[in-house]
Amino acid sequence: MTDHNATGCSCSGEAKKACTVNRRQFLFASGATTFAVMVTLPTSKGHAEQVPALVSTYPRKLIGKLSELEQDVPVDFTYPDEGDYAESILVKTGTECGGGLGPDRDVVAFNLTCTHQGGSLYDTYKPEHKVLGPCPLHLSTYDLTRHGILVSGQAYQSLPQVLLELDGDDIYAVGMFGLIYGRFDNLIS
């Protein structure tokens, strides 16, 4: 059994001489050092500076007419440009949707590229469940009634939703909600 002395050290002989700081002395010294360092550090202004937001301006593109849409029949278009992964669909689901347009809020548009690894979701719309998918690569499936949220599969982001605007009977694509797969910016300069 070891013998503990008043300093809390169980050392003996030569090792005892090396053990000269007890726990209380150590904590006091480290606290004093921390205080000294904090007092001598330069201080900041104490408030955050305003940074202007970067706002993307998307093109306004006519993609269809409300009166010509048939329930559960997708209409293909490209947006926001003609570049890679710009394929999208416009669909009247017959069910109220997040971000929906029209009197029943049931017209939505989504990009057709899976957010996981860029698989094409072309021709995967399932009208009975109002979903896109499964993706042919890893079976990701997205719910179009809830802003394209992932309902199964490997993806970790919702499907990018095309923001729509109604002008009379004309439906316009006016922006994107979410990042299109394979791009660091939705707009190709």
N, C-alpha and C. Protein backbone atom coordinates (compact mmCIF):
# COMPACT_ATOMS: atom_id res chain seq x y z
N MET A 1 0.84 -1.18 0.00
CA MET A 1 0.00 0.00 0.00
C MET A 1 0.89 1.24 0.00
N THR A 2 0.49 2.26 -0.72
CA THR A 2 1.30 3.47 -0.80
C THR A 2 0.94 4.45 0.30
N ASP A 3 1.95 5.16 0.70
CA ASP A 3 1.78 6.14 1.77
C ASP A 3 1.62 7.52 1.13
N HIS A 4 0.49 8.19 1.43
CA HIS A 4 0.23 9.52 0.88
C HIS A 4 0.58 10.55 1.93
N ASN A 5 1.32 11.57 1.52
CA ASN A 5 1.66 12.64 2.46
C ASN A 5 0.72 13.84 2.27
N ALA A 6 0.98 14.94 2.92
CA ALA A 6 0.09 16.10 2.91
C ALA A 6 -0.06 16.72 1.53
N THR A 7 0.93 16.55 0.66
CA THR A 7 0.83 17.15 -0.67
C THR A 7 0.04 16.29 -1.63
N GLY A 8 -0.35 15.10 -1.23
CA GLY A 8 -1.10 14.22 -2.11
C GLY A 8 -0.20 13.39 -2.99
N CYS A 9 1.10 13.49 -2.82
CA CYS A 9 2.05 12.76 -3.65
C CYS A 9 2.40 11.44 -2.97
N SER A 10 2.42 10.37 -3.71
CA SER A 10 2.76 9.06 -3.15
C SER A 10 4.19 8.68 -3.51
N CYS A 11 4.97 9.68 -3.92
CA CYS A 11 6.37 9.43 -4.29
C CYS A 11 7.23 9.29 -3.04
N SER A 12 8.41 8.69 -3.23
CA SER A 12 9.35 8.58 -2.12
C SER A 12 10.76 8.83 -2.63
N GLY A 13 11.61 9.23 -1.74
CA GLY A 13 13.02 9.42 -2.08
C GLY A 13 13.24 10.55 -3.05
N GLU A 14 14.06 10.28 -4.10
CA GLU A 14 14.40 11.28 -5.11
C GLU A 14 13.18 11.74 -5.89
N ALA A 15 12.24 10.83 -6.15
CA ALA A 15 11.05 11.19 -6.90
C ALA A 15 10.20 12.19 -6.14
N LYS A 16 10.23 12.14 -4.79
CA LYS A 16 9.46 13.05 -3.96
C LYS A 16 9.93 14.49 -4.12
N LYS A 17 11.24 14.69 -4.31
CA LYS A 17 11.78 16.03 -4.50
C LYS A 17 11.29 16.65 -5.81
N ALA A 18 11.08 15.82 -6.84
CA ALA A 18 10.61 16.32 -8.14
C ALA A 18 9.13 16.69 -8.09
N CYS A 19 8.39 16.15 -7.17
CA CYS A 19 6.95 16.38 -7.06
C CYS A 19 6.71 17.53 -6.11
N THR A 20 6.89 18.78 -6.60
CA THR A 20 6.83 19.95 -5.71
C THR A 20 5.54 20.75 -5.82
N VAL A 21 4.66 20.46 -6.74
CA VAL A 21 3.43 21.22 -6.92
C VAL A 21 2.24 20.32 -6.59
N ASN A 22 1.39 20.78 -5.70
CA ASN A 22 0.20 19.99 -5.40
C ASN A 22 -0.95 20.45 -6.30
N ARG A 23 -2.09 19.80 -6.19
CA ARG A 23 -3.24 20.08 -7.05
C ARG A 23 -3.74 21.51 -6.88
N ARG A 24 -3.84 21.99 -5.67
CA ARG A 24 -4.34 23.34 -5.40
C ARG A 24 -3.41 24.38 -6.02
N GLN A 25 -2.11 24.18 -5.88
CA GLN A 25 -1.15 25.13 -6.46
C GLN A 25 -1.23 25.12 -7.98
N PHE A 26 -1.39 23.94 -8.56
CA PHE A 26 -1.50 23.84 -10.02
C PHE A 26 -2.73 24.59 -10.54
N LEU A 27 -3.90 24.37 -9.92
CA LEU A 27 -5.12 25.02 -10.36
C LEU A 27 -5.03 26.54 -10.19
N PHE A 28 -4.44 27.01 -9.09
CA PHE A 28 -4.28 28.43 -8.88
C PHE A 28 -3.38 29.04 -9.96
N ALA A 29 -2.26 28.39 -10.25
CA ALA A 29 -1.31 28.89 -11.24
C ALA A 29 -1.92 28.90 -12.65
N SER A 30 -2.64 27.84 -13.01
CA SER A 30 -3.23 27.79 -14.36
C SER A 30 -4.37 28.82 -14.49
N GLY A 31 -5.13 29.06 -13.42
CA GLY A 31 -6.16 30.09 -13.44
C GLY A 31 -5.57 31.47 -13.60
N ALA A 32 -4.50 31.76 -12.86
CA ALA A 32 -3.83 33.06 -12.95
C ALA A 32 -3.25 33.27 -14.35
N THR A 33 -2.68 32.23 -14.92
CA THR A 33 -2.11 32.33 -16.27
C THR A 33 -3.21 32.60 -17.29
N THR A 34 -4.31 31.89 -17.18
CA THR A 34 -5.44 32.10 -18.10
C THR A 34 -5.95 33.53 -17.99
N PHE A 35 -6.11 34.03 -16.79
CA PHE A 35 -6.56 35.40 -16.58
C PHE A 35 -5.60 36.39 -17.22
N ALA A 36 -4.31 36.20 -17.01
CA ALA A 36 -3.31 37.11 -17.56
C ALA A 36 -3.34 37.12 -19.09
N VAL A 37 -3.51 35.97 -19.69
CA VAL A 37 -3.56 35.89 -21.16
C VAL A 37 -4.83 36.58 -21.68
N MET A 38 -5.96 36.34 -21.03
CA MET A 38 -7.22 36.93 -21.48
C MET A 38 -7.22 38.46 -21.36
N VAL A 39 -6.59 38.98 -20.33
CA VAL A 39 -6.55 40.43 -20.12
C VAL A 39 -5.68 41.09 -21.18
N THR A 40 -4.62 40.43 -21.62
CA THR A 40 -3.70 41.05 -22.57
C THR A 40 -4.09 40.85 -24.02
N LEU A 41 -5.12 40.04 -24.30
CA LEU A 41 -5.55 39.84 -25.69
C LEU A 41 -6.21 41.11 -26.21
N PRO A 42 -6.01 41.41 -27.51
CA PRO A 42 -6.69 42.59 -28.07
C PRO A 42 -8.20 42.34 -28.12
N THR A 43 -8.96 43.37 -27.88
CA THR A 43 -10.42 43.24 -27.89
C THR A 43 -10.97 43.62 -29.26
N SER A 44 -12.12 43.05 -29.61
CA SER A 44 -12.77 43.38 -30.89
C SER A 44 -13.75 44.51 -30.68
N LYS A 45 -14.43 44.90 -31.73
CA LYS A 45 -15.39 45.98 -31.67
C LYS A 45 -16.60 45.60 -30.81
N GLY A 46 -16.83 44.33 -30.62
CA GLY A 46 -17.93 43.88 -29.80
C GLY A 46 -19.24 43.70 -30.56
N HIS A 47 -19.21 43.84 -31.87
CA HIS A 47 -20.43 43.62 -32.67
C HIS A 47 -20.04 43.08 -34.04
N ALA A 48 -20.97 42.41 -34.65
CA ALA A 48 -20.73 41.85 -35.98
C ALA A 48 -20.96 42.93 -37.04
N GLU A 49 -20.19 42.85 -38.09
CA GLU A 49 -20.36 43.79 -39.18
C GLU A 49 -21.36 43.23 -40.18
N GLN A 50 -22.13 44.11 -40.79
CA GLN A 50 -23.07 43.68 -41.81
C GLN A 50 -22.32 43.35 -43.08
N VAL A 51 -22.71 42.23 -43.68
CA VAL A 51 -22.14 41.81 -44.95
C VAL A 51 -23.29 41.73 -45.95
N PRO A 52 -23.15 42.36 -47.10
CA PRO A 52 -24.26 42.31 -48.06
C PRO A 52 -24.51 40.88 -48.54
N ALA A 53 -25.78 40.51 -48.67
CA ALA A 53 -26.15 39.17 -49.13
C ALA A 53 -25.92 39.06 -50.63
N LEU A 54 -25.52 37.88 -51.05
CA LEU A 54 -25.41 37.60 -52.47
C LEU A 54 -26.75 37.06 -52.94
N VAL A 55 -27.39 37.74 -53.84
CA VAL A 55 -28.69 37.35 -54.33
C VAL A 55 -28.57 36.99 -55.80
N SER A 56 -29.00 35.78 -56.13
CA SER A 56 -28.97 35.37 -57.53
C SER A 56 -30.24 35.84 -58.22
N THR A 57 -30.10 36.33 -59.41
CA THR A 57 -31.24 36.74 -60.20
C THR A 57 -31.48 35.67 -61.25
N TYR A 58 -32.58 34.97 -61.12
CA TYR A 58 -32.91 33.90 -62.05
C TYR A 58 -33.73 34.45 -63.21
N PRO A 59 -33.64 33.78 -64.36
CA PRO A 59 -34.47 34.22 -65.48
C PRO A 59 -35.94 33.86 -65.23
N ARG A 60 -36.82 34.64 -65.79
CA ARG A 60 -38.26 34.36 -65.71
C ARG A 60 -38.63 33.67 -67.02
N LYS A 61 -39.03 32.40 -66.91
CA LYS A 61 -39.24 31.60 -68.11
C LYS A 61 -40.65 31.01 -68.12
N LEU A 62 -41.37 31.21 -69.22
CA LEU A 62 -42.70 30.63 -69.39
C LEU A 62 -42.55 29.12 -69.59
N ILE A 63 -43.22 28.33 -68.72
CA ILE A 63 -43.07 26.87 -68.82
C ILE A 63 -44.38 26.14 -69.08
N GLY A 64 -45.50 26.84 -69.03
CA GLY A 64 -46.77 26.18 -69.31
C GLY A 64 -47.95 27.08 -69.00
N LYS A 65 -49.15 26.53 -69.27
CA LYS A 65 -50.40 27.23 -68.98
C LYS A 65 -51.20 26.39 -68.00
N LEU A 66 -51.74 27.04 -66.99
CA LEU A 66 -52.50 26.34 -65.96
C LEU A 66 -53.68 25.57 -66.54
N SER A 67 -54.38 26.15 -67.50
CA SER A 67 -55.56 25.52 -68.08
C SER A 67 -55.22 24.29 -68.92
N GLU A 68 -53.98 24.16 -69.38
CA GLU A 68 -53.59 23.05 -70.23
C GLU A 68 -53.01 21.85 -69.46
N LEU A 69 -52.77 22.04 -68.16
CA LEU A 69 -52.19 20.94 -67.37
C LEU A 69 -53.24 19.88 -67.07
N GLU A 70 -52.85 18.63 -67.23
CA GLU A 70 -53.70 17.50 -66.87
C GLU A 70 -53.16 16.92 -65.57
N GLN A 71 -54.06 16.46 -64.71
CA GLN A 71 -53.63 15.91 -63.42
C GLN A 71 -52.74 14.70 -63.62
N ASP A 72 -51.61 14.70 -62.91
CA ASP A 72 -50.63 13.61 -62.89
C ASP A 72 -49.98 13.32 -64.24
N VAL A 73 -49.95 14.33 -65.13
CA VAL A 73 -49.25 14.20 -66.40
C VAL A 73 -48.12 15.23 -66.40
N PRO A 74 -46.86 14.80 -66.12
CA PRO A 74 -45.74 15.75 -66.05
C PRO A 74 -45.43 16.41 -67.38
N VAL A 75 -45.00 17.66 -67.32
CA VAL A 75 -44.57 18.43 -68.48
C VAL A 75 -43.08 18.70 -68.30
N ASP A 76 -42.27 18.30 -69.28
CA ASP A 76 -40.81 18.47 -69.20
C ASP A 76 -40.41 19.87 -69.65
N PHE A 77 -39.39 20.43 -69.00
CA PHE A 77 -38.79 21.70 -69.39
C PHE A 77 -37.39 21.76 -68.79
N THR A 78 -36.59 22.73 -69.22
CA THR A 78 -35.26 22.94 -68.62
C THR A 78 -35.25 24.29 -67.92
N TYR A 79 -34.61 24.30 -66.77
CA TYR A 79 -34.52 25.53 -65.99
C TYR A 79 -33.41 25.34 -64.96
N PRO A 80 -32.61 26.31 -64.66
CA PRO A 80 -32.66 27.73 -65.01
C PRO A 80 -31.93 28.08 -66.30
N ASP A 81 -31.34 27.09 -66.96
CA ASP A 81 -30.61 27.32 -68.20
C ASP A 81 -30.70 26.05 -69.03
N GLU A 82 -29.89 25.94 -70.04
CA GLU A 82 -29.87 24.75 -70.89
C GLU A 82 -28.67 23.87 -70.57
N GLY A 83 -28.00 24.13 -69.45
CA GLY A 83 -26.79 23.39 -69.09
C GLY A 83 -27.07 22.01 -68.51
N ASP A 84 -25.99 21.39 -68.01
CA ASP A 84 -26.10 20.06 -67.42
C ASP A 84 -27.04 20.07 -66.22
N TYR A 85 -27.77 18.99 -66.08
CA TYR A 85 -28.68 18.76 -64.94
C TYR A 85 -29.78 19.81 -64.82
N ALA A 86 -30.20 20.42 -65.90
CA ALA A 86 -31.24 21.45 -65.85
C ALA A 86 -32.63 20.88 -66.16
N GLU A 87 -32.73 19.58 -66.45
CA GLU A 87 -34.02 18.98 -66.78
C GLU A 87 -34.95 19.04 -65.57
N SER A 88 -36.20 19.44 -65.80
CA SER A 88 -37.18 19.59 -64.73
C SER A 88 -38.54 19.15 -65.22
N ILE A 89 -39.47 18.99 -64.26
CA ILE A 89 -40.85 18.68 -64.63
C ILE A 89 -41.81 19.62 -63.91
N LEU A 90 -42.92 19.88 -64.57
CA LEU A 90 -44.04 20.63 -64.02
C LEU A 90 -45.18 19.62 -63.93
N VAL A 91 -45.81 19.53 -62.76
CA VAL A 91 -46.88 18.53 -62.61
C VAL A 91 -48.02 19.07 -61.75
N LYS A 92 -49.23 18.76 -62.17
CA LYS A 92 -50.43 19.07 -61.39
C LYS A 92 -50.77 17.77 -60.65
N THR A 93 -50.58 17.78 -59.33
CA THR A 93 -50.71 16.54 -58.55
C THR A 93 -52.14 16.22 -58.12
N GLY A 94 -53.00 17.23 -58.06
CA GLY A 94 -54.35 17.00 -57.56
C GLY A 94 -54.43 17.00 -56.03
N THR A 95 -53.28 17.22 -55.39
CA THR A 95 -53.16 17.27 -53.93
C THR A 95 -52.41 18.54 -53.57
N GLU A 96 -52.83 19.23 -52.51
CA GLU A 96 -52.12 20.43 -52.09
C GLU A 96 -50.66 20.11 -51.80
N CYS A 97 -49.78 20.94 -52.32
CA CYS A 97 -48.33 20.71 -52.20
C CYS A 97 -47.64 21.91 -51.58
N GLY A 98 -46.53 21.66 -50.91
CA GLY A 98 -45.69 22.74 -50.40
C GLY A 98 -45.13 23.52 -51.58
N GLY A 99 -45.36 24.82 -51.60
CA GLY A 99 -44.90 25.64 -52.71
C GLY A 99 -45.79 25.51 -53.93
N GLY A 100 -46.98 24.93 -53.75
CA GLY A 100 -47.89 24.71 -54.87
C GLY A 100 -48.51 25.99 -55.39
N LEU A 101 -48.93 25.93 -56.64
CA LEU A 101 -49.48 27.08 -57.36
C LEU A 101 -50.89 26.74 -57.82
N GLY A 102 -51.68 27.74 -58.11
CA GLY A 102 -53.02 27.53 -58.62
C GLY A 102 -54.06 27.58 -57.51
N PRO A 103 -55.34 27.49 -57.88
CA PRO A 103 -56.40 27.60 -56.86
C PRO A 103 -56.36 26.48 -55.82
N ASP A 104 -55.88 25.31 -56.21
CA ASP A 104 -55.79 24.18 -55.26
C ASP A 104 -54.38 24.00 -54.71
N ARG A 105 -53.48 24.88 -55.10
CA ARG A 105 -52.07 24.82 -54.68
C ARG A 105 -51.48 23.43 -54.96
N ASP A 106 -51.78 22.90 -56.13
CA ASP A 106 -51.37 21.54 -56.47
C ASP A 106 -50.43 21.45 -57.68
N VAL A 107 -49.96 22.60 -58.17
CA VAL A 107 -49.05 22.61 -59.31
C VAL A 107 -47.64 22.92 -58.81
N VAL A 108 -46.72 21.99 -59.04
CA VAL A 108 -45.33 22.15 -58.58
C VAL A 108 -44.37 21.78 -59.70
N ALA A 109 -43.11 22.19 -59.52
CA ALA A 109 -42.06 21.86 -60.48
C ALA A 109 -40.79 21.51 -59.72
N PHE A 110 -40.09 20.50 -60.22
CA PHE A 110 -38.87 20.03 -59.58
C PHE A 110 -37.81 19.68 -60.61
N ASN A 111 -36.56 19.82 -60.20
CA ASN A 111 -35.43 19.37 -60.99
C ASN A 111 -35.46 17.85 -61.03
N LEU A 112 -35.02 17.26 -62.14
CA LEU A 112 -35.09 15.80 -62.31
C LEU A 112 -33.78 15.08 -62.06
N THR A 113 -32.87 15.68 -61.31
CA THR A 113 -31.59 15.04 -61.03
C THR A 113 -31.50 14.69 -59.56
N CYS A 114 -31.28 13.43 -59.26
CA CYS A 114 -31.17 12.98 -57.88
C CYS A 114 -30.02 13.69 -57.18
N THR A 115 -30.26 14.13 -55.95
CA THR A 115 -29.25 14.89 -55.21
C THR A 115 -28.14 14.00 -54.66
N HIS A 116 -28.29 12.68 -54.72
CA HIS A 116 -27.28 11.78 -54.16
C HIS A 116 -26.07 11.66 -55.09
N GLN A 117 -26.29 11.09 -56.29
CA GLN A 117 -25.17 10.95 -57.22
C GLN A 117 -25.54 11.32 -58.64
N GLY A 118 -26.57 12.13 -58.81
CA GLY A 118 -26.89 12.67 -60.13
C GLY A 118 -27.64 11.74 -61.05
N GLY A 119 -28.28 10.72 -60.53
CA GLY A 119 -29.08 9.83 -61.37
C GLY A 119 -30.30 10.57 -61.92
N SER A 120 -30.71 10.21 -63.12
CA SER A 120 -31.86 10.86 -63.74
C SER A 120 -33.16 10.29 -63.17
N LEU A 121 -34.07 11.19 -62.80
CA LEU A 121 -35.38 10.79 -62.30
C LEU A 121 -36.44 10.92 -63.39
N TYR A 122 -35.98 11.00 -64.64
CA TYR A 122 -36.90 11.13 -65.76
C TYR A 122 -37.82 9.90 -65.81
N ASP A 123 -39.10 10.14 -65.98
CA ASP A 123 -40.11 9.10 -66.12
C ASP A 123 -40.25 8.21 -64.87
N THR A 124 -40.00 8.79 -63.67
CA THR A 124 -40.16 8.03 -62.43
C THR A 124 -41.29 8.58 -61.56
N TYR A 125 -42.10 9.50 -62.09
CA TYR A 125 -43.19 10.07 -61.31
C TYR A 125 -44.24 8.99 -61.04
N LYS A 126 -44.59 8.82 -59.76
CA LYS A 126 -45.60 7.85 -59.34
C LYS A 126 -46.84 8.61 -58.87
N PRO A 127 -47.89 8.71 -59.74
CA PRO A 127 -49.06 9.53 -59.40
C PRO A 127 -49.83 9.03 -58.17
N GLU A 128 -49.82 7.75 -57.90
CA GLU A 128 -50.59 7.24 -56.76
C GLU A 128 -50.01 7.69 -55.42
N HIS A 129 -48.70 8.01 -55.40
CA HIS A 129 -48.05 8.44 -54.15
C HIS A 129 -47.51 9.87 -54.23
N LYS A 130 -47.58 10.47 -55.43
CA LYS A 130 -47.09 11.84 -55.65
C LYS A 130 -45.60 11.96 -55.33
N VAL A 131 -44.83 10.98 -55.80
CA VAL A 131 -43.40 10.96 -55.56
C VAL A 131 -42.64 10.85 -56.87
N LEU A 132 -41.37 11.26 -56.84
CA LEU A 132 -40.43 11.02 -57.93
C LEU A 132 -39.46 9.97 -57.44
N GLY A 133 -39.27 8.94 -58.22
CA GLY A 133 -38.32 7.90 -57.84
C GLY A 133 -38.97 6.54 -57.92
N PRO A 134 -38.22 5.52 -57.64
CA PRO A 134 -36.88 5.57 -57.08
C PRO A 134 -35.82 5.87 -58.13
N CYS A 135 -34.75 6.50 -57.67
CA CYS A 135 -33.61 6.79 -58.53
C CYS A 135 -33.01 5.45 -58.97
N PRO A 136 -32.63 5.31 -60.24
CA PRO A 136 -32.08 4.04 -60.70
C PRO A 136 -30.71 3.69 -60.10
N LEU A 137 -30.03 4.66 -59.50
CA LEU A 137 -28.71 4.36 -58.93
C LEU A 137 -28.78 3.79 -57.52
N HIS A 138 -29.48 4.47 -56.61
CA HIS A 138 -29.51 4.02 -55.21
C HIS A 138 -30.88 4.15 -54.57
N LEU A 139 -31.93 4.19 -55.38
CA LEU A 139 -33.32 4.10 -54.92
C LEU A 139 -33.83 5.26 -54.09
N SER A 140 -33.25 6.46 -54.24
CA SER A 140 -33.78 7.62 -53.53
C SER A 140 -35.13 8.01 -54.12
N THR A 141 -36.08 8.34 -53.25
CA THR A 141 -37.44 8.70 -53.65
C THR A 141 -37.83 9.99 -52.93
N TYR A 142 -38.50 10.89 -53.65
CA TYR A 142 -38.79 12.23 -53.13
C TYR A 142 -40.30 12.51 -53.16
N ASP A 143 -40.83 13.10 -52.10
CA ASP A 143 -42.24 13.44 -51.98
C ASP A 143 -42.49 14.84 -52.54
N LEU A 144 -43.25 14.93 -53.63
CA LEU A 144 -43.50 16.21 -54.27
C LEU A 144 -44.50 17.07 -53.51
N THR A 145 -45.27 16.49 -52.62
CA THR A 145 -46.24 17.28 -51.85
C THR A 145 -45.60 18.02 -50.69
N ARG A 146 -44.36 17.62 -50.33
CA ARG A 146 -43.68 18.23 -49.18
C ARG A 146 -42.32 18.81 -49.60
N HIS A 147 -42.34 19.66 -50.60
CA HIS A 147 -41.14 20.37 -51.08
C HIS A 147 -40.04 19.43 -51.56
N GLY A 148 -40.38 18.25 -52.05
CA GLY A 148 -39.38 17.34 -52.59
C GLY A 148 -38.51 16.68 -51.55
N ILE A 149 -39.04 16.51 -50.33
CA ILE A 149 -38.27 15.90 -49.25
C ILE A 149 -37.99 14.42 -49.55
N LEU A 150 -36.83 13.96 -49.13
CA LEU A 150 -36.45 12.57 -49.31
C LEU A 150 -37.32 11.68 -48.44
N VAL A 151 -37.91 10.64 -49.03
CA VAL A 151 -38.71 9.70 -48.23
C VAL A 151 -38.05 8.34 -48.11
N SER A 152 -37.12 8.03 -49.00
CA SER A 152 -36.34 6.79 -48.86
C SER A 152 -35.12 6.88 -49.77
N GLY A 153 -34.11 6.09 -49.45
CA GLY A 153 -32.91 6.05 -50.28
C GLY A 153 -31.70 6.68 -49.63
N GLN A 154 -30.68 6.89 -50.43
CA GLN A 154 -29.36 7.31 -49.94
C GLN A 154 -29.13 8.81 -49.94
N ALA A 155 -29.97 9.58 -50.63
CA ALA A 155 -29.75 11.03 -50.70
C ALA A 155 -29.89 11.66 -49.32
N TYR A 156 -29.29 12.81 -49.14
CA TYR A 156 -29.38 13.52 -47.86
C TYR A 156 -29.92 14.94 -48.03
N GLN A 157 -30.31 15.30 -49.25
CA GLN A 157 -30.89 16.62 -49.50
C GLN A 157 -32.21 16.44 -50.25
N SER A 158 -33.10 17.39 -50.06
CA SER A 158 -34.36 17.38 -50.80
C SER A 158 -34.09 17.68 -52.26
N LEU A 159 -35.03 17.32 -53.11
CA LEU A 159 -34.94 17.61 -54.53
C LEU A 159 -35.11 19.11 -54.75
N PRO A 160 -34.27 19.74 -55.57
CA PRO A 160 -34.43 21.18 -55.81
C PRO A 160 -35.79 21.49 -56.45
N GLN A 161 -36.50 22.43 -55.83
CA GLN A 161 -37.83 22.81 -56.30
C GLN A 161 -37.72 24.08 -57.14
N VAL A 162 -38.41 24.08 -58.27
CA VAL A 162 -38.45 25.27 -59.12
C VAL A 162 -39.54 26.18 -58.56
N LEU A 163 -39.19 27.42 -58.27
CA LEU A 163 -40.16 28.39 -57.76
C LEU A 163 -41.01 28.89 -58.92
N LEU A 164 -42.31 28.90 -58.70
CA LEU A 164 -43.25 29.23 -59.77
C LEU A 164 -43.99 30.53 -59.48
N GLU A 165 -44.45 31.15 -60.57
CA GLU A 165 -45.24 32.36 -60.48
C GLU A 165 -46.39 32.24 -61.49
N LEU A 166 -47.57 32.64 -61.08
CA LEU A 166 -48.74 32.58 -61.95
C LEU A 166 -49.09 33.98 -62.41
N ASP A 167 -49.17 34.17 -63.72
CA ASP A 167 -49.55 35.47 -64.30
C ASP A 167 -50.72 35.20 -65.24
N GLY A 168 -51.94 35.39 -64.73
CA GLY A 168 -53.12 35.01 -65.50
C GLY A 168 -53.19 33.49 -65.58
N ASP A 169 -53.07 32.97 -66.80
CA ASP A 169 -53.07 31.51 -67.01
C ASP A 169 -51.65 30.99 -67.23
N ASP A 170 -50.70 31.90 -67.37
CA ASP A 170 -49.32 31.51 -67.67
C ASP A 170 -48.55 31.16 -66.40
N ILE A 171 -47.79 30.06 -66.48
CA ILE A 171 -46.95 29.64 -65.36
C ILE A 171 -45.50 29.93 -65.73
N TYR A 172 -44.83 30.68 -64.85
CA TYR A 172 -43.44 31.05 -65.07
C TYR A 172 -42.55 30.42 -64.00
N ALA A 173 -41.38 29.95 -64.43
CA ALA A 173 -40.33 29.54 -63.49
C ALA A 173 -39.54 30.81 -63.18
N VAL A 174 -39.35 31.08 -61.86
CA VAL A 174 -38.69 32.33 -61.49
C VAL A 174 -37.50 32.13 -60.55
N GLY A 175 -37.21 30.90 -60.15
CA GLY A 175 -36.09 30.67 -59.25
C GLY A 175 -35.98 29.21 -58.84
N MET A 176 -34.99 28.93 -58.01
CA MET A 176 -34.76 27.56 -57.52
C MET A 176 -34.67 27.59 -56.00
N PHE A 177 -35.23 26.56 -55.39
CA PHE A 177 -35.11 26.36 -53.95
C PHE A 177 -34.31 25.09 -53.75
N GLY A 178 -33.02 25.25 -53.50
CA GLY A 178 -32.11 24.11 -53.38
C GLY A 178 -31.07 24.14 -54.47
N LEU A 179 -29.96 23.48 -54.22
CA LEU A 179 -28.85 23.45 -55.17
C LEU A 179 -28.98 22.27 -56.12
N ILE A 180 -28.86 22.53 -57.41
CA ILE A 180 -28.92 21.48 -58.42
C ILE A 180 -27.65 20.63 -58.32
N TYR A 181 -27.81 19.32 -58.42
CA TYR A 181 -26.68 18.39 -58.35
C TYR A 181 -25.61 18.76 -59.37
N GLY A 182 -24.35 18.65 -58.98
CA GLY A 182 -23.23 18.86 -59.88
C GLY A 182 -22.85 20.31 -60.09
N ARG A 183 -23.46 21.22 -59.36
CA ARG A 183 -23.18 22.65 -59.52
C ARG A 183 -22.82 23.25 -58.16
N PHE A 184 -21.96 24.26 -58.19
CA PHE A 184 -21.69 25.02 -56.98
C PHE A 184 -22.56 26.28 -56.95
N ASP A 185 -23.22 26.56 -58.08
CA ASP A 185 -24.14 27.67 -58.21
C ASP A 185 -25.17 27.24 -59.25
N ASN A 186 -26.44 27.52 -59.02
CA ASN A 186 -27.47 27.09 -59.96
C ASN A 186 -27.40 27.78 -61.30
N LEU A 187 -26.82 28.97 -61.34
CA LEU A 187 -26.75 29.72 -62.58
C LEU A 187 -25.38 29.57 -63.22
N ILE A 188 -25.36 29.11 -64.44
CA ILE A 188 -24.10 28.98 -65.17
C ILE A 188 -23.86 30.27 -65.92
N SER A 189 -22.73 30.91 -65.63
CA SER A 189 -22.43 32.21 -66.26
C SER A 189 -21.98 32.03 -67.68
